[in-house]
Structure formats: structure tokens, C-alpha cells
Amino acid sequence: MRGRLGFQLALTNEGADARGCPEEARKHHAPAQARKGAKAEISMESLIAKYHLHPIIDHFTIALLATGVLADVVGYVIATLFGNRSPRPKRLGDRLSGAALVLLIPGAISAVFSRLTGESEAERVWDTISPAAQQILFSDTGSATFLSHAVLGTYLMYAFVTLAAWRVFLEIWTKLKRTQLAYLLVAMVALCALLYQGKTGGELVYDHAVGTTHADTTSQRSANVAK
């Protein structure tokens, strides 16, 4: 799907660039550029598949975001409950909050790459996986759609990029400090959703062998059971 779309966009762009050129030049120029774009896209997808970049990046995404959110929550609790009693808890709370900021920004960037590599992998394996695995990856049954692995991943990417920006503004804009508790509540909900998405990713790999050398046999076995 994306290959055809990329090819069409390449043709459109090159057609616009070739205005005013001789007809023969337009005939040769656009297809050549389109082939280059298609080759680059194929190379990137092959790279993602060859080096298993999606699960590698996912581990960083979950670790950075989970640790960042939890550090923020713990730092806020310590500073709120014990900050007035002694300067030591206050310093600890500030350090945890600072660590949270350092973790959330690269975590949000990692979430973007998780989404992009995940889309590439989903398109690559879709036709080789069982119907049950397809429902986990991308369900089309009502509300389950929003909890399917691919769709939830897209929402989480936007959510954590927004949360990271919110967290930066909390640090530099004192007027937003009153929204800190709301930020922490939203961040905890997003973290729970992220952990759930990690669970569905584990189900795809360990229960349905998605992305492994056993995917085809598992798909066939599931089809036989369905019959």
C-alpha cells in the first residue's frame, strides 16, 4: 500500500518539476526518480526487518517512559508529603522530577520510532499471520479497535509526545504548576495503556509467533483449527 502511494507521490512531484521541459525528458525523469524512492523505501523496510528494530526500540520506549512517569509520580508524592518537614526529602523529590524530565523526552522520541517501525513490520507480516493474531494487531470489531496493538500504538505516540511537551512547559512556565496533578493522572493512564500494549505485543510474538520463523506454521495450524 505505502509502496504504491510513494510511487504515485513521486510521479506527481516529478511531473510538477518537469514542467517546461521537453516531453521526452519528462518521460525519462519521473520514472527514474520514482524508482529511487521505491528502492529507498524497500531498503528501509528490509533494514527494519533484518535487524528487528521494532522490538529493540520498543524496549527503550517502555523503559524510558515507564521510569520517567514513575519518577515524576514518586518525586511529586515525596515533595508534597515530606517536603515541608525536612530539606532532604525536598531535594530528593526535585532530583526525581529532574530525572523524569530527562527520561520522558527521549522516551517520547522513541515512541515515534516505535510507531514507524511497528507500521512497517505490521505490513510485512500481515498476510502470513493467523486471523486471531490479525485481530490482536488490528481489530475491526467495535470498541476493540481502539485497544488493538497497532491502533493503540498510534494513540500512545501522540499521547506521550503531548505529555513530554506538557512536562517541559511545567518546568519552564510556573503558571502551569497548578496543572501538575492533572498531568500526573493523565501520564499514569497513558502508562497503563502502554503496558497493556506491551502485553498484546507479547501475545503476538509468544502466542502467535508473529515475526518469527514459525509464523507460517502457526497461521496454518490456526486456520485448520478454525475449519
C-alpha atoms as a PDB file:
ATOM      1  CA  MET A   1       0.000   0.000   0.000  1.00  0.00           C
ATOM      2  CA  ARG A   2       2.665   2.507   1.016  1.00  0.00           C
ATOM      3  CA  GLY A   3       4.844   1.459  -1.929  1.00  0.00           C
ATOM      4  CA  ARG A   4       2.094   2.328  -4.410  1.00  0.00           C
ATOM      5  CA  LEU A   5       1.375   5.587  -2.588  1.00  0.00           C
ATOM      6  CA  GLY A   6       5.050   6.538  -2.579  1.00  0.00           C
ATOM      7  CA  PHE A   7       5.279   5.764  -6.299  1.00  0.00           C
ATOM      8  CA  GLN A   8       2.244   7.955  -7.050  1.00  0.00           C
ATOM      9  CA  LEU A   9       3.613  10.847  -4.965  1.00  0.00           C
ATOM     10  CA  ALA A  10       6.962  10.586  -6.691  1.00  0.00           C
ATOM     11  CA  LEU A  11       5.316  10.728 -10.095  1.00  0.00           C
ATOM     12  CA  THR A  12       3.217  13.735  -9.054  1.00  0.00           C
ATOM     13  CA  ASN A  13       6.183  15.683  -7.702  1.00  0.00           C
ATOM     14  CA  GLU A  14       8.425  14.942 -10.629  1.00  0.00           C
ATOM     15  CA  GLY A  15       5.644  15.857 -13.056  1.00  0.00           C
ATOM     16  CA  ALA A  16       5.489  19.281 -11.414  1.00  0.00           C
ATOM     17  CA  ASP A  17       9.282  19.682 -11.577  1.00  0.00           C
ATOM     18  CA  ALA A  18       9.379  18.728 -15.242  1.00  0.00           C
ATOM     19  CA  ARG A  19       7.035  21.495 -16.413  1.00  0.00           C
ATOM     20  CA  GLY A  20       8.647  23.465 -19.170  1.00  0.00           C
ATOM     21  CA  CYS A  21      10.983  20.584 -20.058  1.00  0.00           C
ATOM     22  CA  PRO A  22      10.762  18.710 -23.337  1.00  0.00           C
ATOM     23  CA  GLU A  23       8.263  15.849 -23.455  1.00  0.00           C
ATOM     24  CA  GLU A  24      10.996  13.245 -23.830  1.00  0.00           C
ATOM     25  CA  ALA A  25      12.782  14.490 -20.698  1.00  0.00           C
ATOM     26  CA  ARG A  26       9.597  14.186 -18.628  1.00  0.00           C
ATOM     27  CA  LYS A  27       9.116  10.598 -19.794  1.00  0.00           C
ATOM     28  CA  HIS A  28      12.524   9.507 -18.507  1.00  0.00           C
ATOM     29  CA  HIS A  29      12.871  11.792 -15.492  1.00  0.00           C
ATOM     30  CA  ALA A  30       9.769  10.860 -13.470  1.00  0.00           C
ATOM     31  CA  PRO A  31      10.060   7.039 -13.603  1.00  0.00           C
ATOM     32  CA  ALA A  32      13.751   7.193 -12.656  1.00  0.00           C
ATOM     33  CA  GLN A  33      13.062   9.295  -9.569  1.00  0.00           C
ATOM     34  CA  ALA A  34      10.084   7.110  -8.649  1.00  0.00           C
ATOM     35  CA  ARG A  35      12.277   4.012  -8.812  1.00  0.00           C
ATOM     36  CA  LYS A  36      14.809   5.669  -6.490  1.00  0.00           C
ATOM     37  CA  GLY A  37      12.073   6.480  -3.950  1.00  0.00           C
ATOM     38  CA  ALA A  38      10.666   2.968  -4.098  1.00  0.00           C
ATOM     39  CA  LYS A  39      14.152   1.459  -3.710  1.00  0.00           C
ATOM     40  CA  ALA A  40      14.875   3.637  -0.642  1.00  0.00           C
ATOM     41  CA  GLU A  41      11.572   2.612   0.954  1.00  0.00           C
ATOM     42  CA  ILE A  42      12.235  -1.079   0.309  1.00  0.00           C
ATOM     43  CA  SER A  43      15.727  -0.726   1.775  1.00  0.00           C
ATOM     44  CA  MET A  44      14.374   0.869   4.961  1.00  0.00           C
ATOM     45  CA  GLU A  45      11.733  -1.841   5.410  1.00  0.00           C
ATOM     46  CA  SER A  46      14.371  -4.526   4.819  1.00  0.00           C
ATOM     47  CA  LEU A  47      16.632  -2.879   7.396  1.00  0.00           C
ATOM     48  CA  ILE A  48      13.836  -2.806   9.989  1.00  0.00           C
ATOM     49  CA  ALA A  49      13.043  -6.474   9.368  1.00  0.00           C
ATOM     50  CA  LYS A  50      16.651  -7.683   9.188  1.00  0.00           C
ATOM     51  CA  TYR A  51      17.791  -6.125  12.461  1.00  0.00           C
ATOM     52  CA  HIS A  52      14.444  -6.480  14.315  1.00  0.00           C
ATOM     53  CA  LEU A  53      14.423  -2.755  15.048  1.00  0.00           C
ATOM     54  CA  HIS A  54      10.817  -2.647  16.233  1.00  0.00           C
ATOM     55  CA  PRO A  55      11.246  -4.820  19.358  1.00  0.00           C
ATOM     56  CA  ILE A  56      14.623  -3.198  20.102  1.00  0.00           C
ATOM     57  CA  ILE A  57      13.156   0.304  20.034  1.00  0.00           C
ATOM     58  CA  ASP A  58      10.065  -0.833  21.939  1.00  0.00           C
ATOM     59  CA  HIS A  59      12.187  -1.880  24.901  1.00  0.00           C
ATOM     60  CA  PHE A  60      13.698   1.592  25.092  1.00  0.00           C
ATOM     61  CA  THR A  61      10.279   3.219  24.709  1.00  0.00           C
ATOM     62  CA  ILE A  62       8.693   1.280  27.547  1.00  0.00           C
ATOM     63  CA  ALA A  63      11.711   1.544  29.859  1.00  0.00           C
ATOM     64  CA  LEU A  64      12.228   5.278  29.368  1.00  0.00           C
ATOM     65  CA  LEU A  65       8.566   6.276  29.597  1.00  0.00           C
ATOM     66  CA  ALA A  66       7.680   3.951  32.482  1.00  0.00           C
ATOM     67  CA  THR A  67      10.677   5.032  34.537  1.00  0.00           C
ATOM     68  CA  GLY A  68      10.098   8.686  33.706  1.00  0.00           C
ATOM     69  CA  VAL A  69       6.420   8.674  34.691  1.00  0.00           C
ATOM     70  CA  LEU A  70       7.054   6.722  37.900  1.00  0.00           C
ATOM     71  CA  ALA A  71       9.942   9.025  38.866  1.00  0.00           C
ATOM     72  CA  ASP A  72       7.665  12.000  38.367  1.00  0.00           C
ATOM     73  CA  VAL A  73       4.894  10.495  40.489  1.00  0.00           C
ATOM     74  CA  VAL A  74       7.223   9.425  43.308  1.00  0.00           C
ATOM     75  CA  GLY A  75       9.009  12.786  43.274  1.00  0.00           C
ATOM     76  CA  TYR A  76       5.695  14.642  43.479  1.00  0.00           C
ATOM     77  CA  VAL A  77       4.454  12.473  46.367  1.00  0.00           C
ATOM     78  CA  ILE A  78       7.699  12.848  48.338  1.00  0.00           C
ATOM     79  CA  ALA A  79       7.819  16.619  47.806  1.00  0.00           C
ATOM     80  CA  THR A  80       4.139  17.034  48.731  1.00  0.00           C
ATOM     81  CA  LEU A  81       4.069  14.823  51.817  1.00  0.00           C
ATOM     82  CA  PHE A  82       7.529  15.368  53.270  1.00  0.00           C
ATOM     83  CA  GLY A  83       8.916  18.491  51.595  1.00  0.00           C
ATOM     84  CA  ASN A  84       7.871  20.804  54.417  1.00  0.00           C
ATOM     85  CA  ARG A  85       9.358  18.638  57.170  1.00  0.00           C
ATOM     86  CA  SER A  86      12.944  18.466  56.011  1.00  0.00           C
ATOM     87  CA  PRO A  87      15.054  19.788  53.126  1.00  0.00           C
ATOM     88  CA  ARG A  88      16.344  16.300  52.330  1.00  0.00           C
ATOM     89  CA  PRO A  89      13.007  14.886  51.035  1.00  0.00           C
ATOM     90  CA  LYS A  90      12.505  18.099  49.068  1.00  0.00           C
ATOM     91  CA  ARG A  91      15.878  17.668  47.361  1.00  0.00           C
ATOM     92  CA  LEU A  92      15.090  14.017  46.620  1.00  0.00           C
ATOM     93  CA  GLY A  93      11.738  14.965  45.106  1.00  0.00           C
ATOM     94  CA  ASP A  94      13.408  17.621  42.938  1.00  0.00           C
ATOM     95  CA  ARG A  95      16.024  15.145  41.740  1.00  0.00           C
ATOM     96  CA  LEU A  96      13.388  12.600  40.800  1.00  0.00           C
ATOM     97  CA  SER A  97      11.413  15.257  38.939  1.00  0.00           C
ATOM     98  CA  GLY A  98      14.549  16.304  37.065  1.00  0.00           C
ATOM     99  CA  ALA A  99      15.298  12.698  36.177  1.00  0.00           C
ATOM    100  CA  ALA A 100      11.720  12.290  34.921  1.00  0.00           C
ATOM    101  CA  LEU A 101      12.150  15.179  32.507  1.00  0.00           C
ATOM    102  CA  VAL A 102      15.405  13.738  31.187  1.00  0.00           C
ATOM    103  CA  LEU A 103      13.731  10.349  30.612  1.00  0.00           C
ATOM    104  CA  LEU A 104      10.419  11.492  29.128  1.00  0.00           C
ATOM    105  CA  ILE A 105      11.853  13.496  26.235  1.00  0.00           C
ATOM    106  CA  PRO A 106      13.899  10.649  24.680  1.00  0.00           C
ATOM    107  CA  GLY A 107      11.061   8.287  25.609  1.00  0.00           C
ATOM    108  CA  ALA A 108       8.618  10.328  23.520  1.00  0.00           C
ATOM    109  CA  ILE A 109      11.070  10.377  20.603  1.00  0.00           C
ATOM    110  CA  SER A 110      11.463   6.624  20.954  1.00  0.00           C
ATOM    111  CA  ALA A 111       7.661   6.247  20.868  1.00  0.00           C
ATOM    112  CA  VAL A 112       7.626   7.901  17.443  1.00  0.00           C
ATOM    113  CA  PHE A 113      10.183   5.406  16.127  1.00  0.00           C
ATOM    114  CA  SER A 114       8.251   2.538  17.727  1.00  0.00           C
ATOM    115  CA  ARG A 115       5.186   3.632  15.808  1.00  0.00           C
ATOM    116  CA  LEU A 116       7.022   3.956  12.488  1.00  0.00           C
ATOM    117  CA  THR A 117       8.889   0.649  12.716  1.00  0.00           C
ATOM    118  CA  GLY A 118       5.735  -1.069  14.000  1.00  0.00           C
ATOM    119  CA  GLU A 119       3.772   0.051  10.950  1.00  0.00           C
ATOM    120  CA  SER A 120       6.482  -1.314   8.670  1.00  0.00           C
ATOM    121  CA  GLU A 121       6.531  -4.671  10.461  1.00  0.00           C
ATOM    122  CA  ALA A 122       2.718  -4.940  10.511  1.00  0.00           C
ATOM    123  CA  GLU A 123       2.539  -4.504   6.746  1.00  0.00           C
ATOM    124  CA  ARG A 124       5.314  -7.037   6.236  1.00  0.00           C
ATOM    125  CA  VAL A 125       3.792  -9.852   8.311  1.00  0.00           C
ATOM    126  CA  TRP A 126       0.054  -9.216   7.877  1.00  0.00           C
ATOM    127  CA  ASP A 127      -0.561 -11.847   5.182  1.00  0.00           C
ATOM    128  CA  THR A 128       1.453 -14.519   6.993  1.00  0.00           C
ATOM    129  CA  ILE A 129      -0.218 -14.418  10.416  1.00  0.00           C
ATOM    130  CA  SER A 130      -3.322 -16.162  11.701  1.00  0.00           C
ATOM    131  CA  PRO A 131      -6.768 -14.486  11.851  1.00  0.00           C
ATOM    132  CA  ALA A 132      -6.526 -14.470  15.658  1.00  0.00           C
ATOM    133  CA  ALA A 133      -3.223 -12.606  15.500  1.00  0.00           C
ATOM    134  CA  GLN A 134      -4.671 -10.166  12.979  1.00  0.00           C
ATOM    135  CA  GLN A 135      -7.468  -9.343  15.431  1.00  0.00           C
ATOM    136  CA  ILE A 136      -4.895  -8.551  18.133  1.00  0.00           C
ATOM    137  CA  LEU A 137      -2.806  -6.480  15.748  1.00  0.00           C
ATOM    138  CA  PHE A 138      -5.697  -4.577  14.172  1.00  0.00           C
ATOM    139  CA  SER A 139      -9.217  -5.426  15.297  1.00  0.00           C
ATOM    140  CA  ASP A 140     -12.234  -4.232  13.337  1.00  0.00           C
ATOM    141  CA  THR A 141     -14.889  -5.130  15.907  1.00  0.00           C
ATOM    142  CA  GLY A 142     -16.262  -2.003  17.553  1.00  0.00           C
ATOM    143  CA  SER A 143     -14.526  -0.705  20.662  1.00  0.00           C
ATOM    144  CA  ALA A 144     -11.857  -3.421  20.431  1.00  0.00           C
ATOM    145  CA  THR A 145     -10.378  -1.425  17.551  1.00  0.00           C
ATOM    146  CA  PHE A 146      -9.024   1.193  19.967  1.00  0.00           C
ATOM    147  CA  LEU A 147      -7.309  -1.471  22.080  1.00  0.00           C
ATOM    148  CA  SER A 148      -5.733  -3.331  19.176  1.00  0.00           C
ATOM    149  CA  HIS A 149      -1.948  -3.226  19.119  1.00  0.00           C
ATOM    150  CA  ALA A 150      -1.482  -1.036  16.044  1.00  0.00           C
ATOM    151  CA  VAL A 151      -4.235   1.494  16.739  1.00  0.00           C
ATOM    152  CA  LEU A 152      -3.342   1.877  20.410  1.00  0.00           C
ATOM    153  CA  GLY A 153       0.285   2.393  19.422  1.00  0.00           C
ATOM    154  CA  THR A 154      -0.672   5.346  17.254  1.00  0.00           C
ATOM    155  CA  TYR A 155      -2.693   6.977  20.032  1.00  0.00           C
ATOM    156  CA  LEU A 156       0.100   6.380  22.538  1.00  0.00           C
ATOM    157  CA  MET A 157       2.660   8.026  20.287  1.00  0.00           C
ATOM    158  CA  TYR A 158       0.592  11.215  20.180  1.00  0.00           C
ATOM    159  CA  ALA A 159      -0.183  10.950  23.896  1.00  0.00           C
ATOM    160  CA  PHE A 160       3.431  10.705  25.050  1.00  0.00           C
ATOM    161  CA  VAL A 161       4.678  13.389  22.668  1.00  0.00           C
ATOM    162  CA  THR A 162       1.987  15.658  24.145  1.00  0.00           C
ATOM    163  CA  LEU A 163       2.853  14.624  27.703  1.00  0.00           C
ATOM    164  CA  ALA A 164       6.558  15.291  27.123  1.00  0.00           C
ATOM    165  CA  ALA A 165       5.748  18.775  25.831  1.00  0.00           C
ATOM    166  CA  TRP A 166       3.411  19.336  28.783  1.00  0.00           C
ATOM    167  CA  ARG A 167       6.170  18.263  31.159  1.00  0.00           C
ATOM    168  CA  VAL A 168       8.647  20.703  29.584  1.00  0.00           C
ATOM    169  CA  PHE A 169       6.161  23.561  29.967  1.00  0.00           C
ATOM    170  CA  LEU A 170       5.613  22.593  33.602  1.00  0.00           C
ATOM    171  CA  GLU A 171       9.327  23.032  34.131  1.00  0.00           C
ATOM    172  CA  ILE A 172       9.694  26.423  32.450  1.00  0.00           C
ATOM    173  CA  TRP A 173       6.295  28.046  32.984  1.00  0.00           C
ATOM    174  CA  THR A 174       5.349  28.493  36.642  1.00  0.00           C
ATOM    175  CA  LYS A 175       1.714  29.329  35.833  1.00  0.00           C
ATOM    176  CA  LEU A 176       1.215  25.749  34.673  1.00  0.00           C
ATOM    177  CA  LYS A 177       2.297  24.294  38.028  1.00  0.00           C
ATOM    178  CA  ARG A 178      -1.333  24.060  39.103  1.00  0.00           C
ATOM    179  CA  THR A 179      -1.902  21.507  36.318  1.00  0.00           C
ATOM    180  CA  GLN A 180       0.823  19.176  37.603  1.00  0.00           C
ATOM    181  CA  LEU A 181      -1.576  16.793  39.354  1.00  0.00           C
ATOM    182  CA  ALA A 182      -3.714  16.555  36.200  1.00  0.00           C
ATOM    183  CA  TYR A 183      -0.564  15.854  34.197  1.00  0.00           C
ATOM    184  CA  LEU A 184       0.442  13.038  36.547  1.00  0.00           C
ATOM    185  CA  LEU A 185      -3.016  11.438  36.369  1.00  0.00           C
ATOM    186  CA  VAL A 186      -3.034  11.535  32.570  1.00  0.00           C
ATOM    187  CA  ALA A 187       0.533  10.200  32.477  1.00  0.00           C
ATOM    188  CA  MET A 188      -0.405   7.254  34.704  1.00  0.00           C
ATOM    189  CA  VAL A 189      -3.370   6.379  32.479  1.00  0.00           C
ATOM    190  CA  ALA A 190      -1.122   6.569  29.416  1.00  0.00           C
ATOM    191  CA  LEU A 191       1.468   4.378  31.146  1.00  0.00           C
ATOM    192  CA  CYS A 192      -1.160   1.723  31.928  1.00  0.00           C
ATOM    193  CA  ALA A 193      -2.207   1.779  28.269  1.00  0.00           C
ATOM    194  CA  LEU A 194       1.444   1.442  27.235  1.00  0.00           C
ATOM    195  CA  LEU A 195       1.925  -1.598  29.455  1.00  0.00           C
ATOM    196  CA  TYR A 196      -1.257  -3.140  28.052  1.00  0.00           C
ATOM    197  CA  GLN A 197       0.039  -2.581  24.544  1.00  0.00           C
ATOM    198  CA  GLY A 198       3.290  -4.278  25.545  1.00  0.00           C
ATOM    199  CA  LYS A 199       1.198  -7.230  26.721  1.00  0.00           C
ATOM    200  CA  THR A 200      -0.555  -7.524  23.357  1.00  0.00           C
ATOM    201  CA  GLY A 201       2.824  -7.321  21.636  1.00  0.00           C
ATOM    202  CA  GLY A 202       3.999 -10.231  23.770  1.00  0.00           C
ATOM    203  CA  GLU A 203       0.883 -12.206  22.835  1.00  0.00           C
ATOM    204  CA  LEU A 204       1.600 -11.646  19.147  1.00  0.00           C
ATOM    205  CA  VAL A 205       5.138 -13.000  19.480  1.00  0.00           C
ATOM    206  CA  TYR A 206       4.822 -15.733  22.123  1.00  0.00           C
ATOM    207  CA  ASP A 207       1.275 -16.975  21.488  1.00  0.00           C
ATOM    208  CA  HIS A 208       1.067 -16.482  17.712  1.00  0.00           C
ATOM    209  CA  ALA A 209       4.755 -16.476  16.646  1.00  0.00           C
ATOM    210  CA  VAL A 210       4.325 -13.219  14.707  1.00  0.00           C
ATOM    211  CA  GLY A 211       7.588 -12.099  13.135  1.00  0.00           C
ATOM    212  CA  THR A 212       9.314 -15.424  13.819  1.00  0.00           C
ATOM    213  CA  THR A 213      10.259 -18.311  11.537  1.00  0.00           C
ATOM    214  CA  HIS A 214       7.311 -20.265  12.955  1.00  0.00           C
ATOM    215  CA  ALA A 215       4.702 -17.707  11.909  1.00  0.00           C
ATOM    216  CA  ASP A 216       3.625 -19.543   8.769  1.00  0.00           C
ATOM    217  CA  THR A 217       3.112 -22.890  10.505  1.00  0.00           C
ATOM    218  CA  THR A 218       1.244 -21.222  13.350  1.00  0.00           C
ATOM    219  CA  SER A 219      -1.021 -19.447  10.871  1.00  0.00           C
ATOM    220  CA  GLN A 220      -1.744 -22.704   9.077  1.00  0.00           C
ATOM    221  CA  ARG A 221      -2.443 -24.504  12.352  1.00  0.00           C
ATOM    222  CA  SER A 222      -4.892 -21.791  13.425  1.00  0.00           C
ATOM    223  CA  ALA A 223      -6.641 -21.983  10.065  1.00  0.00           C
ATOM    224  CA  ASN A 224      -7.015 -25.747  10.427  1.00  0.00           C
ATOM    225  CA  VAL A 225      -8.476 -25.386  13.920  1.00  0.00           C
ATOM    226  CA  ALA A 226     -10.957 -22.806  12.615  1.00  0.00           C
ATOM    227  CA  LYS A 227     -12.156 -25.310   9.999  1.00  0.00           C
END
